[in-house]
C-alpha atoms as a PDB file:
ATOM      1  CA  MET A   1     -25.975  83.903  97.955  1.00  0.00           C
ATOM      2  CA  GLU A   2     -25.953  85.715 101.419  1.00  0.00           C
ATOM      3  CA  GLU A   3     -25.750  84.460 104.911  1.00  0.00           C
ATOM      4  CA  GLU A   4     -29.269  85.586 105.957  1.00  0.00           C
ATOM      5  CA  GLU A   5     -30.821  83.767 102.952  1.00  0.00           C
ATOM      6  CA  VAL A   6     -29.592  80.617 104.275  1.00  0.00           C
ATOM      7  CA  ASN A   7     -30.528  81.662 108.041  1.00  0.00           C
ATOM      8  CA  ARG A   8     -33.900  82.351 106.959  1.00  0.00           C
ATOM      9  CA  CYS A   9     -34.164  78.699 106.010  1.00  0.00           C
ATOM     10  CA  GLN A  10     -33.752  77.252 109.429  1.00  0.00           C
ATOM     11  CA  ILE A  11     -36.593  75.563 110.659  1.00  0.00           C
ATOM     12  CA  GLN A  12     -36.475  77.416 114.112  1.00  0.00           C
ATOM     13  CA  GLU A  13     -36.614  80.745 111.818  1.00  0.00           C
ATOM     14  CA  TRP A  14     -39.592  80.022 109.431  1.00  0.00           C
ATOM     15  CA  TYR A  15     -41.379  77.865 111.515  1.00  0.00           C
ATOM     16  CA  PRO A  16     -43.030  80.082 114.179  1.00  0.00           C
ATOM     17  CA  LYS A  17     -44.309  82.077 110.979  1.00  0.00           C
ATOM     18  CA  PHE A  18     -45.945  79.379 109.395  1.00  0.00           C
ATOM     19  CA  LYS A  19     -46.445  77.199 112.088  1.00  0.00           C
ATOM     20  CA  THR A  20     -50.863  77.097 111.249  1.00  0.00           C
ATOM     21  CA  LEU A  21     -49.809  76.025 107.482  1.00  0.00           C
ATOM     22  CA  SER A  22     -47.044  73.378 108.463  1.00  0.00           C
ATOM     23  CA  ILE A  23     -46.487  69.882 110.000  1.00  0.00           C
ATOM     24  CA  LYS A  24     -46.816  69.833 114.037  1.00  0.00           C
ATOM     25  CA  THR A  25     -43.359  70.654 115.328  1.00  0.00           C
ATOM     26  CA  VAL A  26     -41.489  71.106 118.573  1.00  0.00           C
ATOM     27  CA  ILE A  27     -38.456  72.770 118.499  1.00  0.00           C
ATOM     28  CA  GLN A  28     -35.657  72.344 121.388  1.00  0.00           C
ATOM     29  CA  LYS A  29     -32.351  74.311 121.790  1.00  0.00           C
ATOM     30  CA  LEU A  30     -29.558  71.719 121.929  1.00  0.00           C
ATOM     31  CA  PRO A  31     -26.553  72.198 124.383  1.00  0.00           C
ATOM     32  CA  GLU A  32     -23.196  72.909 122.928  1.00  0.00           C
ATOM     33  CA  SER A  33     -21.998  69.570 124.645  1.00  0.00           C
ATOM     34  CA  PHE A  34     -24.542  67.712 122.498  1.00  0.00           C
ATOM     35  CA  VAL A  35     -23.483  69.178 119.372  1.00  0.00           C
ATOM     36  CA  GLU A  36     -19.908  68.432 120.172  1.00  0.00           C
ATOM     37  CA  TYR A  37     -20.797  64.514 121.038  1.00  0.00           C
ATOM     38  CA  LEU A  38     -22.419  64.604 117.395  1.00  0.00           C
ATOM     39  CA  LEU A  39     -19.093  65.980 115.983  1.00  0.00           C
ATOM     40  CA  ASP A  40     -16.754  63.728 117.555  1.00  0.00           C
ATOM     41  CA  ASP A  41     -15.192  61.133 115.576  1.00  0.00           C
ATOM     42  CA  SER A  42     -12.375  60.520 117.469  1.00  0.00           C
ATOM     43  CA  GLY A  43     -13.399  57.284 118.789  1.00  0.00           C
ATOM     44  CA  PRO A  44     -15.989  54.318 118.391  1.00  0.00           C
ATOM     45  CA  PHE A  45     -19.603  54.889 117.958  1.00  0.00           C
ATOM     46  CA  ILE A  46     -21.139  55.354 121.547  1.00  0.00           C
ATOM     47  CA  LEU A  47     -24.598  56.158 122.178  1.00  0.00           C
ATOM     48  CA  PRO A  48     -24.814  58.372 125.475  1.00  0.00           C
ATOM     49  CA  ASP A  49     -26.027  56.605 128.675  1.00  0.00           C
ATOM     50  CA  SER A  50     -29.731  56.350 129.013  1.00  0.00           C
ATOM     51  CA  VAL A  51     -30.913  58.019 132.188  1.00  0.00           C
ATOM     52  CA  SER A  52     -34.803  57.552 131.767  1.00  0.00           C
ATOM     53  CA  ASN A  53     -37.198  55.401 129.876  1.00  0.00           C
ATOM     54  CA  LYS A  54     -41.000  55.468 129.581  1.00  0.00           C
ATOM     55  CA  ASP A  55     -41.892  54.040 132.571  1.00  0.00           C
ATOM     56  CA  ALA A  56     -39.424  56.692 134.200  1.00  0.00           C
ATOM     57  CA  LEU A  57     -41.146  59.729 132.803  1.00  0.00           C
ATOM     58  CA  PRO A  58     -43.477  61.654 135.255  1.00  0.00           C
ATOM     59  CA  ASN A  59     -46.818  60.900 135.593  1.00  0.00           C
ATOM     60  CA  ARG A  60     -47.973  64.245 134.697  1.00  0.00           C
ATOM     61  CA  ILE A  61     -46.760  66.152 131.512  1.00  0.00           C
ATOM     62  CA  HIS A  62     -46.409  69.690 132.280  1.00  0.00           C
ATOM     63  CA  ASN A  63     -47.079  70.861 128.700  1.00  0.00           C
ATOM     64  CA  PRO A  64     -50.791  70.433 127.871  1.00  0.00           C
ATOM     65  CA  ILE A  65     -50.803  69.654 123.603  1.00  0.00           C
ATOM     66  CA  ASP A  66     -52.558  72.818 122.986  1.00  0.00           C
ATOM     67  CA  GLU A  67     -49.533  74.925 124.472  1.00  0.00           C
ATOM     68  CA  GLU A  68     -47.595  77.078 122.174  1.00  0.00           C
ATOM     69  CA  ASP A  69     -45.416  74.612 120.016  1.00  0.00           C
ATOM     70  CA  TYR A  70     -42.106  76.348 120.040  1.00  0.00           C
ATOM     71  CA  GLN A  71     -40.207  75.771 122.900  1.00  0.00           C
ATOM     72  CA  VAL A  72     -36.789  76.324 123.498  1.00  0.00           C
ATOM     73  CA  SER A  73     -34.514  75.105 126.356  1.00  0.00           C
ATOM     74  CA  GLU A  74     -31.047  75.763 127.403  1.00  0.00           C
ATOM     75  CA  GLY A  75     -29.830  72.800 128.499  1.00  0.00           C
ATOM     76  CA  SER A  76     -27.459  72.235 132.029  1.00  0.00           C
ATOM     77  CA  GLY A  77     -24.142  72.766 130.138  1.00  0.00           C
ATOM     78  CA  ASP A  78     -22.803  70.361 132.407  1.00  0.00           C
ATOM     79  CA  GLU A  79     -22.300  67.539 130.445  1.00  0.00           C
ATOM     80  CA  ALA A  80     -19.396  68.442 128.745  1.00  0.00           C
ATOM     81  CA  GLU A  81     -17.377  67.227 131.825  1.00  0.00           C
ATOM     82  CA  GLU A  82     -18.412  64.103 131.900  1.00  0.00           C
ATOM     83  CA  PRO A  83     -15.957  61.348 129.790  1.00  0.00           C
ATOM     84  CA  LEU A  84     -17.198  60.122 126.796  1.00  0.00           C
ATOM     85  CA  SER A  85     -17.733  56.488 128.051  1.00  0.00           C
ATOM     86  CA  THR A  86     -20.182  57.619 130.591  1.00  0.00           C
ATOM     87  CA  LEU A  87     -21.726  60.613 128.903  1.00  0.00           C
ATOM     88  CA  SER A  88     -25.242  61.335 129.289  1.00  0.00           C
ATOM     89  CA  PHE A  89     -27.680  64.376 128.614  1.00  0.00           C
ATOM     90  CA  PRO A  90     -30.476  63.810 131.207  1.00  0.00           C
ATOM     91  CA  GLU A  91     -32.042  66.941 130.909  1.00  0.00           C
ATOM     92  CA  LEU A  92     -32.283  66.675 127.161  1.00  0.00           C
ATOM     93  CA  GLU A  93     -33.306  63.116 126.974  1.00  0.00           C
ATOM     94  CA  LEU A  94     -35.848  63.747 129.466  1.00  0.00           C
ATOM     95  CA  LYS A  95     -37.356  67.084 127.806  1.00  0.00           C
ATOM     96  CA  ILE A  96     -37.268  64.985 124.392  1.00  0.00           C
ATOM     97  CA  ASN A  97     -39.070  61.981 125.544  1.00  0.00           C
ATOM     98  CA  GLU A  98     -41.668  64.004 127.204  1.00  0.00           C
ATOM     99  CA  THR A  99     -42.240  66.224 123.493  1.00  0.00           C
ATOM    100  CA  ILE A 100     -42.672  62.986 121.824  1.00  0.00           C
ATOM    101  CA  GLU A 101     -45.185  61.775 124.243  1.00  0.00           C
ATOM    102  CA  ILE A 102     -47.028  65.454 123.893  1.00  0.00           C
ATOM    103  CA  ILE A 103     -46.844  65.212 120.130  1.00  0.00           C
ATOM    104  CA  GLY A 104     -48.433  61.641 119.666  1.00  0.00           C
ATOM    105  CA  GLY A 105     -45.891  58.877 120.609  1.00  0.00           C
ATOM    106  CA  ALA A 106     -43.874  59.220 117.300  1.00  0.00           C
ATOM    107  CA  VAL A 107     -41.512  61.822 115.582  1.00  0.00           C
ATOM    108  CA  PHE A 108     -39.042  62.425 112.791  1.00  0.00           C
ATOM    109  CA  PRO A 109     -36.226  64.415 113.727  1.00  0.00           C
ATOM    110  CA  LYS A 110     -34.262  67.509 111.718  1.00  0.00           C
ATOM    111  CA  LEU A 111     -31.481  69.996 112.866  1.00  0.00           C
ATOM    112  CA  ASN A 112     -31.241  73.698 111.975  1.00  0.00           C
ATOM    113  CA  TRP A 113     -31.840  72.796 107.991  1.00  0.00           C
ATOM    114  CA  SER A 114     -31.414  68.616 107.288  1.00  0.00           C
ATOM    115  CA  SER A 115     -32.965  65.601 108.957  1.00  0.00           C
ATOM    116  CA  PRO A 116     -30.772  62.617 108.794  1.00  0.00           C
ATOM    117  CA  LYS A 117     -32.460  60.782 105.614  1.00  0.00           C
ATOM    118  CA  ASP A 118     -29.179  58.876 104.803  1.00  0.00           C
ATOM    119  CA  SER A 119     -29.242  56.884 108.119  1.00  0.00           C
ATOM    120  CA  ALA A 120     -32.525  55.796 107.877  1.00  0.00           C
ATOM    121  CA  TRP A 121     -31.274  52.084 107.303  1.00  0.00           C
ATOM    122  CA  ILE A 122     -29.995  51.629 110.583  1.00  0.00           C
ATOM    123  CA  SER A 123     -33.147  52.162 112.505  1.00  0.00           C
ATOM    124  CA  THR A 124     -35.558  48.966 112.746  1.00  0.00           C
ATOM    125  CA  SER A 125     -38.080  50.311 110.937  1.00  0.00           C
ATOM    126  CA  GLY A 126     -35.700  51.864 108.184  1.00  0.00           C
ATOM    127  CA  THR A 127     -37.214  55.134 108.234  1.00  0.00           C
ATOM    128  CA  LEU A 128     -36.801  58.171 110.499  1.00  0.00           C
ATOM    129  CA  ARG A 129     -39.787  57.380 112.820  1.00  0.00           C
ATOM    130  CA  CYS A 130     -38.475  57.469 116.550  1.00  0.00           C
ATOM    131  CA  THR A 131     -40.321  56.819 119.607  1.00  0.00           C
ATOM    132  CA  SER A 132     -37.463  57.787 122.085  1.00  0.00           C
ATOM    133  CA  PHE A 133     -33.997  60.017 122.942  1.00  0.00           C
ATOM    134  CA  SER A 134     -31.769  56.820 121.941  1.00  0.00           C
ATOM    135  CA  GLU A 135     -33.666  56.137 118.384  1.00  0.00           C
ATOM    136  CA  ILE A 136     -33.066  60.017 117.486  1.00  0.00           C
ATOM    137  CA  VAL A 137     -29.545  59.981 119.044  1.00  0.00           C
ATOM    138  CA  LEU A 138     -28.786  57.010 116.913  1.00  0.00           C
ATOM    139  CA  LEU A 139     -30.297  58.570 113.420  1.00  0.00           C
ATOM    140  CA  LEU A 140     -28.080  61.952 114.406  1.00  0.00           C
ATOM    141  CA  ARG A 141     -24.849  60.156 114.932  1.00  0.00           C
ATOM    142  CA  ALA A 142     -24.980  57.841 112.104  1.00  0.00           C
ATOM    143  CA  SER A 143     -25.896  60.727 109.723  1.00  0.00           C
ATOM    144  CA  ASP A 144     -23.072  62.257 107.205  1.00  0.00           C
ATOM    145  CA  SER A 145     -25.713  64.443 105.918  1.00  0.00           C
ATOM    146  CA  LEU A 146     -25.900  65.966 108.996  1.00  0.00           C
ATOM    147  CA  VAL A 147     -22.468  67.447 109.032  1.00  0.00           C
ATOM    148  CA  HIS A 148     -23.554  69.893 106.388  1.00  0.00           C
ATOM    149  CA  ASP A 149     -25.602  71.376 109.164  1.00  0.00           C
ATOM    150  CA  LEU A 150     -22.803  71.500 111.819  1.00  0.00           C
ATOM    151  CA  CYS A 151     -19.522  72.193 109.389  1.00  0.00           C
ATOM    152  CA  HIS A 152     -20.856  73.861 106.136  1.00  0.00           C
ATOM    153  CA  ALA A 153     -23.935  75.565 105.928  1.00  0.00           C
ATOM    154  CA  TYR A 154     -22.511  78.700 104.671  1.00  0.00           C
ATOM    155  CA  ASP A 155     -19.981  77.441 102.255  1.00  0.00           C
ATOM    156  CA  SER A 156     -21.898  78.748  99.281  1.00  0.00           C
ATOM    157  CA  CYS A 157     -22.519  81.811 100.587  1.00  0.00           C
ATOM    158  CA  SER A 158     -20.533  85.090  99.390  1.00  0.00           C
ATOM    159  CA  HIS A 159     -19.981  86.658 102.423  1.00  0.00           C
ATOM    160  CA  LYS A 160     -19.774  84.588 105.411  1.00  0.00           C
ATOM    161  CA  SER A 161     -19.178  85.604 108.879  1.00  0.00           C
ATOM    162  CA  SER A 162     -19.059  82.119 109.855  1.00  0.00           C
ATOM    163  CA  SER A 163     -18.678  78.084 108.981  1.00  0.00           C
ATOM    164  CA  ARG A 164     -21.514  77.277 111.621  1.00  0.00           C
ATOM    165  CA  PRO A 165     -24.300  78.716 113.117  1.00  0.00           C
ATOM    166  CA  PRO A 166     -24.243  80.154 116.653  1.00  0.00           C
ATOM    167  CA  ARG A 167     -26.780  77.931 118.065  1.00  0.00           C
ATOM    168  CA  PHE A 168     -28.477  74.525 117.021  1.00  0.00           C
ATOM    169  CA  PHE A 169     -31.689  73.281 117.454  1.00  0.00           C
ATOM    170  CA  LEU A 170     -33.888  69.902 116.937  1.00  0.00           C
ATOM    171  CA  ALA A 171     -36.921  70.072 116.030  1.00  0.00           C
ATOM    172  CA  LEU A 172     -39.205  66.860 116.138  1.00  0.00           C
ATOM    173  CA  ARG A 173     -41.586  66.827 113.850  1.00  0.00           C
ATOM    174  CA  LYS A 174     -45.087  64.722 114.095  1.00  0.00           C
ATOM    175  CA  TRP A 175     -44.483  61.391 112.381  1.00  0.00           C
ATOM    176  CA  TYR A 176     -47.650  60.522 109.855  1.00  0.00           C
ATOM    177  CA  SER A 177     -47.426  56.925 109.028  1.00  0.00           C
ATOM    178  CA  SER A 178     -50.274  57.499 105.844  1.00  0.00           C
ATOM    179  CA  LEU A 179     -48.398  60.056 104.186  1.00  0.00           C
ATOM    180  CA  LEU A 180     -48.425  59.478 100.532  1.00  0.00           C
ATOM    181  CA  PRO A 181     -44.875  60.293  98.993  1.00  0.00           C
ATOM    182  CA  GLU A 182     -46.391  61.369  95.614  1.00  0.00           C
ATOM    183  CA  MET A 183     -48.313  64.227  97.102  1.00  0.00           C
ATOM    184  CA  GLU A 184     -44.849  65.930  98.142  1.00  0.00           C
ATOM    185  CA  PHE A 185     -43.551  68.609  95.693  1.00  0.00           C
ATOM    186  CA  ARG A 186     -40.459  70.905  95.941  1.00  0.00           C
ATOM    187  CA  CYS A 187     -41.429  74.586  94.509  1.00  0.00           C
ATOM    188  CA  PHE A 188     -39.132  77.217  93.006  1.00  0.00           C
ATOM    189  CA  VAL A 189     -39.120  81.145  93.513  1.00  0.00           C
ATOM    190  CA  ARG A 190     -37.329  83.392  91.474  1.00  0.00           C
ATOM    191  CA  GLY A 191     -37.585  86.968  92.088  1.00  0.00           C
ATOM    192  CA  HIS A 192     -40.545  86.631  94.316  1.00  0.00           C
ATOM    193  CA  HIS A 193     -42.290  84.788  91.680  1.00  0.00           C
ATOM    194  CA  LEU A 194     -43.242  80.971  91.554  1.00  0.00           C
ATOM    195  CA  VAL A 195     -41.329  79.594  88.699  1.00  0.00           C
ATOM    196  CA  GLY A 196     -41.044  76.009  88.867  1.00  0.00           C
ATOM    197  CA  ILE A 197     -42.550  72.694  90.747  1.00  0.00           C
ATOM    198  CA  SER A 198     -40.970  69.377  90.678  1.00  0.00           C
ATOM    199  CA  GLN A 199     -42.237  66.106  91.947  1.00  0.00           C
ATOM    200  CA  ARG A 200     -40.167  65.594  95.184  1.00  0.00           C
ATOM    201  CA  GLU A 201     -39.902  61.824  95.055  1.00  0.00           C
ATOM    202  CA  VAL A 202     -38.175  61.545  91.628  1.00  0.00           C
ATOM    203  CA  THR A 203     -37.327  57.801  92.002  1.00  0.00           C
ATOM    204  CA  THR A 204     -40.775  56.252  91.065  1.00  0.00           C
ATOM    205  CA  PHE A 205     -43.314  56.926  88.595  1.00  0.00           C
ATOM    206  CA  TYR A 206     -47.042  57.927  89.879  1.00  0.00           C
ATOM    207  CA  PRO A 207     -49.475  57.365  87.235  1.00  0.00           C
ATOM    208  CA  VAL A 208     -52.172  59.098  89.658  1.00  0.00           C
ATOM    209  CA  LEU A 209     -49.646  62.258  88.995  1.00  0.00           C
ATOM    210  CA  LEU A 210     -50.596  62.553  85.602  1.00  0.00           C
ATOM    211  CA  ASP A 211     -54.280  62.964  85.754  1.00  0.00           C
ATOM    212  CA  LYS A 212     -54.184  65.049  89.121  1.00  0.00           C
ATOM    213  CA  LYS A 213     -51.155  67.493  87.662  1.00  0.00           C
ATOM    214  CA  SER A 214     -53.774  70.302  86.661  1.00  0.00           C
ATOM    215  CA  SER A 215     -55.570  70.465  89.721  1.00  0.00           C
ATOM    216  CA  LEU A 216     -52.427  70.106  91.657  1.00  0.00           C
ATOM    217  CA  GLN A 217     -50.510  72.896  90.097  1.00  0.00           C
ATOM    218  CA  SER A 218     -53.815  75.115  90.629  1.00  0.00           C
ATOM    219  CA  MET A 219     -53.734  74.154  94.354  1.00  0.00           C
ATOM    220  CA  VAL A 220     -49.868  74.780  94.724  1.00  0.00           C
ATOM    221  CA  GLU A 221     -50.029  78.327  93.050  1.00  0.00           C
ATOM    222  CA  ASN A 222     -52.986  79.479  95.147  1.00  0.00           C
ATOM    223  CA  PHE A 223     -51.280  78.494  98.185  1.00  0.00           C
ATOM    224  CA  PHE A 224     -48.145  80.280  97.223  1.00  0.00           C
ATOM    225  CA  THR A 225     -49.697  83.629  96.347  1.00  0.00           C
ATOM    226  CA  GLU A 226     -52.130  83.417  99.248  1.00  0.00           C
ATOM    227  CA  ASN A 227     -49.575  82.539 101.826  1.00  0.00           C
ATOM    228  CA  VAL A 228     -45.902  82.480 101.167  1.00  0.00           C
ATOM    229  CA  ARG A 229     -45.231  84.984  98.603  1.00  0.00           C
ATOM    230  CA  LEU A 230     -45.891  88.115 101.238  1.00  0.00           C
ATOM    231  CA  CYS A 231     -44.769  86.299 103.950  1.00  0.00           C
ATOM    232  CA  PHE A 232     -41.045  84.732 103.395  1.00  0.00           C
ATOM    233  CA  GLU A 233     -38.385  87.755 102.992  1.00  0.00           C
ATOM    234  CA  SER A 234     -35.971  85.885 100.380  1.00  0.00           C
ATOM    235  CA  GLU A 235     -36.337  86.985  97.062  1.00  0.00           C
ATOM    236  CA  ASN A 236     -35.032  83.440  95.634  1.00  0.00           C
ATOM    237  CA  TYR A 237     -35.509  80.285  97.508  1.00  0.00           C
ATOM    238  CA  THR A 238     -37.480  77.041  97.467  1.00  0.00           C
ATOM    239  CA  PHE A 239     -39.798  75.587  99.517  1.00  0.00           C
ATOM    240  CA  ASP A 240     -41.237  71.772  99.660  1.00  0.00           C
ATOM    241  CA  VAL A 241     -45.393  71.084 100.101  1.00  0.00           C
ATOM    242  CA  TYR A 242     -47.381  68.158 101.354  1.00  0.00           C
ATOM    243  CA  VAL A 243     -50.794  68.201  99.550  1.00  0.00           C
ATOM    244  CA  THR A 244     -53.124  65.937 101.609  1.00  0.00           C
ATOM    245  CA  LYS A 245     -56.230  63.850 100.847  1.00  0.00           C
ATOM    246  CA  ASP A 246     -58.396  66.423 101.578  1.00  0.00           C
ATOM    247  CA  GLU A 247     -56.565  68.977  99.293  1.00  0.00           C
ATOM    248  CA  ARG A 248     -55.139  70.972 101.779  1.00  0.00           C
ATOM    249  CA  VAL A 249     -51.264  72.342 101.349  1.00  0.00           C
ATOM    250  CA  LYS A 250     -48.956  72.082 103.949  1.00  0.00           C
ATOM    251  CA  ILE A 251     -45.630  73.569 104.212  1.00  0.00           C
ATOM    252  CA  VAL A 252     -42.852  70.829 104.975  1.00  0.00           C
ATOM    253  CA  ASP A 253     -39.698  72.653 104.832  1.00  0.00           C
ATOM    254  CA  PHE A 254     -37.653  75.876 103.120  1.00  0.00           C
ATOM    255  CA  ASN A 255     -34.262  75.529 101.499  1.00  0.00           C
ATOM    256  CA  PRO A 256     -32.282  77.895  99.941  1.00  0.00           C
ATOM    257  CA  TRP A 257     -31.991  78.827  95.868  1.00  0.00           C
ATOM    258  CA  GLY A 258     -28.828  76.733  94.200  1.00  0.00           C
ATOM    259  CA  ALA A 259     -26.086  75.419  96.626  1.00  0.00           C
ATOM    260  CA  PHE A 260     -26.752  71.851  98.458  1.00  0.00           C
ATOM    261  CA  THR A 261     -30.557  72.322  97.346  1.00  0.00           C
ATOM    262  CA  LEU A 262     -31.438  69.387  95.023  1.00  0.00           C
ATOM    263  CA  PRO A 263     -33.292  70.877  91.390  1.00  0.00           C
ATOM    264  CA  LEU A 264     -34.983  67.683  90.876  1.00  0.00           C
ATOM    265  CA  LEU A 265     -36.592  67.294  87.724  1.00  0.00           C
ATOM    266  CA  PHE A 266     -34.955  70.481  86.552  1.00  0.00           C
ATOM    267  CA  THR A 267     -31.539  71.836  86.471  1.00  0.00           C
ATOM    268  CA  TRP A 268     -30.565  75.167  88.073  1.00  0.00           C
ATOM    269  CA  GLU A 269     -29.598  76.129  84.507  1.00  0.00           C
ATOM    270  CA  GLU A 270     -33.046  76.055  83.504  1.00  0.00           C
ATOM    271  CA  LEU A 271     -34.492  77.826  86.786  1.00  0.00           C
ATOM    272  CA  GLU A 272     -32.493  80.542  86.686  1.00  0.00           C
ATOM    273  CA  GLN A 273     -33.472  81.488  83.106  1.00  0.00           C
ATOM    274  CA  LYS A 274     -36.967  81.626  84.034  1.00  0.00           C
ATOM    275  CA  ARG A 275     -38.323  85.234  84.910  1.00  0.00           C
ATOM    276  CA  GLY A 276     -41.397  84.432  86.616  1.00  0.00           C
ATOM    277  CA  LYS A 277     -43.442  87.789  85.515  1.00  0.00           C
ATOM    278  CA  GLY A 278     -45.800  86.483  82.797  1.00  0.00           C
ATOM    279  CA  ASP A 279     -44.354  82.979  82.543  1.00  0.00           C
ATOM    280  CA  ASN A 280     -46.780  79.984  83.005  1.00  0.00           C
ATOM    281  CA  VAL A 281     -45.413  77.920  85.905  1.00  0.00           C
ATOM    282  CA  ASP A 282     -43.467  74.828  85.044  1.00  0.00           C
ATOM    283  CA  PHE A 283     -44.785  71.711  86.999  1.00  0.00           C
ATOM    284  CA  ARG A 284     -42.606  68.509  85.955  1.00  0.00           C
ATOM    285  CA  VAL A 285     -43.495  64.930  87.182  1.00  0.00           C
ATOM    286  CA  VAL A 286     -42.131  61.674  86.255  1.00  0.00           C
ATOM    287  CA  GLU A 287     -44.051  61.056  83.179  1.00  0.00           C
ATOM    288  CA  SER A 288     -43.198  57.748  82.780  1.00  0.00           C
ATOM    289  CA  GLN A 289     -40.476  54.485  83.734  1.00  0.00           C
ATOM    290  CA  CYS A 290     -38.115  56.004  81.868  1.00  0.00           C
ATOM    291  CA  GLY A 291     -38.159  59.337  83.714  1.00  0.00           C
ATOM    292  CA  ILE A 292     -37.549  58.310  87.151  1.00  0.00           C
ATOM    293  CA  ARG A 293     -34.241  59.369  88.678  1.00  0.00           C
ATOM    294  CA  PRO A 294     -32.018  57.658  90.685  1.00  0.00           C
ATOM    295  CA  GLY A 295     -31.716  58.192  94.516  1.00  0.00           C
ATOM    296  CA  LEU A 296     -29.341  60.696  95.827  1.00  0.00           C
ATOM    297  CA  LYS A 297     -29.622  60.768  99.429  1.00  0.00           C
ATOM    298  CA  THR A 298     -28.504  57.314  99.909  1.00  0.00           C
ATOM    299  CA  ALA A 299     -25.733  55.902 102.252  1.00  0.00           C
ATOM    300  CA  VAL A 300     -22.906  55.679  99.480  1.00  0.00           C
ATOM    301  CA  PRO A 301     -19.345  56.926  99.023  1.00  0.00           C
ATOM    302  CA  GLN A 302     -19.343  60.347  98.209  1.00  0.00           C
ATOM    303  CA  ASP A 303     -18.120  60.058  94.637  1.00  0.00           C
ATOM    304  CA  TYR A 304     -21.736  58.340  93.693  1.00  0.00           C
ATOM    305  CA  LEU A 305     -23.105  61.687  94.850  1.00  0.00           C
ATOM    306  CA  ASP A 306     -21.080  63.501  92.431  1.00  0.00           C
ATOM    307  CA  THR A 307     -23.721  65.390  89.936  1.00  0.00           C
ATOM    308  CA  GLY A 308     -21.688  68.149  89.011  1.00  0.00           C
ATOM    309  CA  PRO A 309     -20.898  68.879  85.246  1.00  0.00           C
ATOM    310  CA  GLY A 310     -19.089  65.849  83.676  1.00  0.00           C
ATOM    311  CA  SER A 311     -19.507  63.493  86.697  1.00  0.00           C
ATOM    312  CA  GLY A 312     -20.725  59.923  86.223  1.00  0.00           C
ATOM    313  CA  TRP A 313     -24.562  60.742  87.357  1.00  0.00           C
ATOM    314  CA  ASP A 314     -24.787  64.244  85.272  1.00  0.00           C
ATOM    315  CA  GLN A 315     -23.740  62.075  82.098  1.00  0.00           C
ATOM    316  CA  PHE A 316     -26.395  59.404  82.810  1.00  0.00           C
ATOM    317  CA  PHE A 317     -28.905  62.277  83.387  1.00  0.00           C
ATOM    318  CA  ARG A 318     -28.459  63.744  80.003  1.00  0.00           C
ATOM    319  CA  LYS A 319     -28.649  60.093  78.650  1.00  0.00           C
ATOM    320  CA  VAL A 320     -31.826  59.539  80.260  1.00  0.00           C
ATOM    321  CA  ASP A 321     -33.114  62.831  79.087  1.00  0.00           C
ATOM    322  CA  THR A 322     -32.462  62.117  75.456  1.00  0.00           C
ATOM    323  CA  GLU A 323     -33.650  58.883  75.513  1.00  0.00           C
ATOM    324  CA  PHE A 324     -36.815  60.544  76.892  1.00  0.00           C
ATOM    325  CA  GLN A 325     -37.086  62.622  74.319  1.00  0.00           C
ATOM    326  CA  GLN A 326     -36.586  60.638  71.665  1.00  0.00           C
ATOM    327  CA  GLN A 327     -39.286  58.365  73.015  1.00  0.00           C
ATOM    328  CA  ARG A 328     -41.638  61.084  73.269  1.00  0.00           C
ATOM    329  CA  THR A 329     -41.315  62.379  69.636  1.00  0.00           C
ATOM    330  CA  SER A 330     -41.885  58.889  68.266  1.00  0.00           C
ATOM    331  CA  GLU A 331     -44.890  58.640  70.316  1.00  0.00           C
ATOM    332  CA  ALA A 332     -46.174  61.863  68.737  1.00  0.00           C
END
């Protein structure tokens, strides 16, 4: 994998091109002092001092909702001189709180590549839903998975010039409480051809997916052909989509092929063997309670997240697959 392939999957790179096909998002450039704060583990877990609240926001919001979503601000750069005990980011805080109001009052945060899914447990709602700067900072600061973005984004690259990107961004994405987890799918593209589609939430069996599998596959394939195939430059990559109740397909994210991207109901070995041309797209969903997979992005020790060959999870998956195949044979 090349560094440029990883860079194309940063949200600030792909969102401007696909914004009309994605979730409403506002992107904010982060000052380096805030990045250093996220990485600092030398002392106790301290949230920045809040310099404003909703009552202190300006009465007039200067950015109308129909203005350009993609806004990049530099930050003042003065925050790094503050001691940790009195650290604050006043400009960043005001801009983020203002953006939250513009988008609709609730967002979920994401850095260049990743969202802090592993720290959702720490929020009052148990989700990534945020209504203020302080709630966003709490999720970011408590997340271990974001260390990937901050320190290890290029670890799988064959020729890397740096261990981290030159700039970090915070994407604030509109929160929808009505989204159905069973309607999100990961699509695998090899050699510019769609070769596989997997149910994104693999920890649950959704019978509705068995009934709608054929129509969902057609929608996603047509969407890829018409909107993604000729517009995303990488040859091999993955992208996540959400299918709405009125059968519109929305792009949720792009991710590199392999490396830290989860193959879900596939294995990377299987996907590497698929050529795309002339082959039918392999669309996989959990077909019974026996086919569910354990959640991998959870707040547990790293040993429990190892899914490599020979690991406990690898053996577990192989056993589940064997039992599932035996069950299908006995039912046939």
